[in-house]
Protein backbone atom coordinates (compact mmCIF):
# COMPACT_ATOMS: atom_id res chain seq x y z
CA MET A 1 -28.31 -63.75 -49.21
CA LYS A 2 -32.44 -64.31 -47.73
CA VAL A 3 -31.13 -65.69 -44.66
CA HIS A 4 -29.34 -62.38 -43.82
CA ILE A 5 -32.91 -60.70 -44.74
CA ALA A 6 -34.79 -62.48 -42.19
CA TRP A 7 -33.09 -62.48 -38.94
CA PRO A 8 -33.74 -58.41 -38.79
CA ALA A 9 -37.58 -58.96 -40.01
CA VAL A 10 -38.15 -61.23 -36.94
CA PHE A 11 -36.56 -58.69 -35.00
CA ILE A 12 -38.26 -56.15 -36.08
CA LEU A 13 -41.47 -58.00 -35.94
CA ALA A 14 -41.13 -59.38 -31.96
CA SER A 15 -40.04 -56.34 -31.12
CA VAL A 16 -42.93 -54.49 -32.11
CA VAL A 17 -45.37 -57.21 -30.33
CA LEU A 18 -43.23 -56.54 -27.40
CA LEU A 19 -43.79 -53.00 -27.39
CA ALA A 20 -47.78 -53.63 -28.51
CA ALA A 21 -48.26 -55.18 -24.90
CA LEU A 22 -45.82 -52.88 -23.33
CA ILE A 23 -48.71 -50.34 -24.67
CA TYR A 24 -51.47 -52.03 -23.97
CA GLN A 25 -50.54 -53.43 -20.33
CA THR A 26 -49.75 -49.34 -19.66
CA SER A 27 -53.02 -47.96 -20.72
CA TRP A 28 -56.23 -47.54 -19.79
CA ALA A 29 -57.87 -50.64 -21.44
CA PRO A 30 -57.11 -53.53 -18.85
CA ASP A 31 -58.98 -51.38 -15.75
CA TYR A 32 -61.92 -50.83 -17.68
CA ALA A 33 -61.72 -54.31 -18.64
CA GLU A 34 -61.99 -55.28 -14.87
CA ALA A 35 -64.39 -52.36 -13.37
CA GLU A 36 -67.61 -52.27 -16.50
CA PRO A 37 -68.86 -55.81 -15.43
CA LEU A 38 -68.63 -54.52 -12.15
CA PHE A 39 -71.08 -51.37 -12.81
CA PRO A 40 -74.82 -53.62 -12.50
CA MET A 41 -73.55 -55.03 -9.56
CA ALA A 42 -72.91 -52.09 -7.90
CA ALA A 43 -75.71 -50.23 -9.23
CA GLU A 44 -77.78 -53.38 -6.85
CA PHE A 45 -75.52 -53.01 -4.45
CA GLY A 46 -76.22 -48.91 -4.32
CA GLN A 47 -80.16 -49.62 -4.62
CA GLU A 48 -79.65 -51.44 -1.31
CA LEU A 49 -77.65 -49.01 0.55
CA VAL A 50 -79.94 -46.75 0.05
CA LYS A 51 -83.26 -48.89 1.01
CA ILE A 52 -80.98 -49.73 4.19
CA ARG A 53 -80.29 -45.88 4.29
CA LYS A 54 -84.20 -44.81 4.72
CA ASP A 55 -84.67 -46.60 7.65
CA LYS A 56 -81.58 -45.50 9.52
CA GLU A 57 -78.05 -43.58 9.19
CA LEU A 58 -75.78 -45.12 6.92
CA SER A 59 -73.14 -47.73 9.15
CA PRO A 60 -69.61 -49.03 8.63
CA ALA A 61 -71.70 -52.71 9.96
CA ASP A 62 -74.49 -52.21 7.13
CA ILE A 63 -72.33 -52.08 4.63
CA ARG A 64 -70.52 -55.20 5.88
CA THR A 65 -73.38 -56.93 6.50
CA LEU A 66 -74.72 -56.35 2.55
CA LEU A 67 -71.37 -57.55 1.63
CA ASP A 68 -71.90 -60.99 3.42
CA ALA A 69 -74.56 -61.92 0.81
CA GLU A 70 -73.58 -63.81 -2.00
CA LYS A 71 -75.07 -61.88 -4.44
CA PHE A 72 -72.41 -59.04 -3.54
CA GLN A 73 -68.82 -61.33 -2.74
CA THR A 74 -67.64 -60.00 -5.61
CA LEU A 75 -67.74 -57.01 -4.48
CA ARG A 76 -65.53 -58.06 -0.76
CA SER A 77 -62.03 -57.82 -2.55
CA TYR A 78 -62.10 -53.87 -3.70
CA GLY A 79 -62.03 -51.26 -0.96
CA ILE A 80 -65.22 -49.40 -0.18
CA VAL A 81 -64.80 -46.23 1.70
CA PHE A 82 -67.24 -43.47 2.89
CA SER A 83 -66.88 -40.17 0.64
CA HIS A 84 -66.32 -36.80 2.28
CA ASP A 85 -68.42 -35.42 -0.42
CA PRO A 86 -72.28 -34.83 0.41
CA GLY A 87 -73.82 -36.14 -2.62
CA VAL A 88 -71.79 -39.58 -2.05
CA LEU A 89 -72.70 -42.17 0.06
CA VAL A 90 -69.38 -44.60 -0.80
CA SER A 91 -66.59 -45.22 -3.21
CA ILE A 92 -65.73 -48.78 -4.68
CA ARG A 93 -62.14 -48.25 -5.84
CA VAL A 94 -61.79 -50.43 -7.72
CA ASN A 95 -58.46 -50.44 -9.21
CA ARG A 96 -56.05 -47.64 -9.48
CA ARG A 97 -57.92 -45.87 -12.12
CA PHE A 98 -61.38 -46.17 -12.07
CA SER A 99 -63.81 -46.38 -9.50
CA PHE A 100 -67.51 -46.17 -8.57
CA ASN A 101 -68.82 -43.54 -6.48
CA ILE A 102 -73.08 -44.16 -5.08
CA GLY A 103 -75.12 -40.99 -4.73
CA LYS A 104 -77.65 -40.93 -2.06
CA ASP A 105 -80.13 -41.35 -5.07
CA GLY A 106 -78.10 -45.35 -5.37
CA HIS A 107 -77.07 -44.69 -8.75
CA PRO A 108 -73.18 -45.48 -8.92
CA GLN A 109 -71.26 -42.58 -11.40
CA TRP A 110 -67.94 -43.95 -12.94
CA GLU A 111 -64.77 -42.13 -11.62
CA LYS A 112 -61.39 -42.13 -13.47
CA ARG A 113 -58.75 -41.12 -11.73
C-alpha cells in the first residue's frame, strides 16, 4: 500500500515545483534582479551626461563615446533612447518591465512598464 501512496505524492510535489518555477519566471522578480544592480551605473552615467550637457547639446555621438568607456561597457547591451519628455534626457531600457529615465539633473528614476 505504501508504494501506491508514494506515486501520487511524488506527482503532486513535482507539479508544485514546476508550477512555482513557472510563476517565478513570469513574475517581475527576474526582471528586477537584472535591473537593480545597474542602478548605480545608471546614476554615474547620468552624472556624466549632465557634465557633457553643460558644454553643449547632447548628441548620439556623445552617448556612444560615453558607452565606449570601460566603466559603462555593461550598459552597451541595453537600449538607450532619447525621450520625448522634456524633463528626461535619455531612457535606458533594461528589459521588458524596467527602464531608467535619466532626468536633466542626472539622477535615474525607475520606470516600471
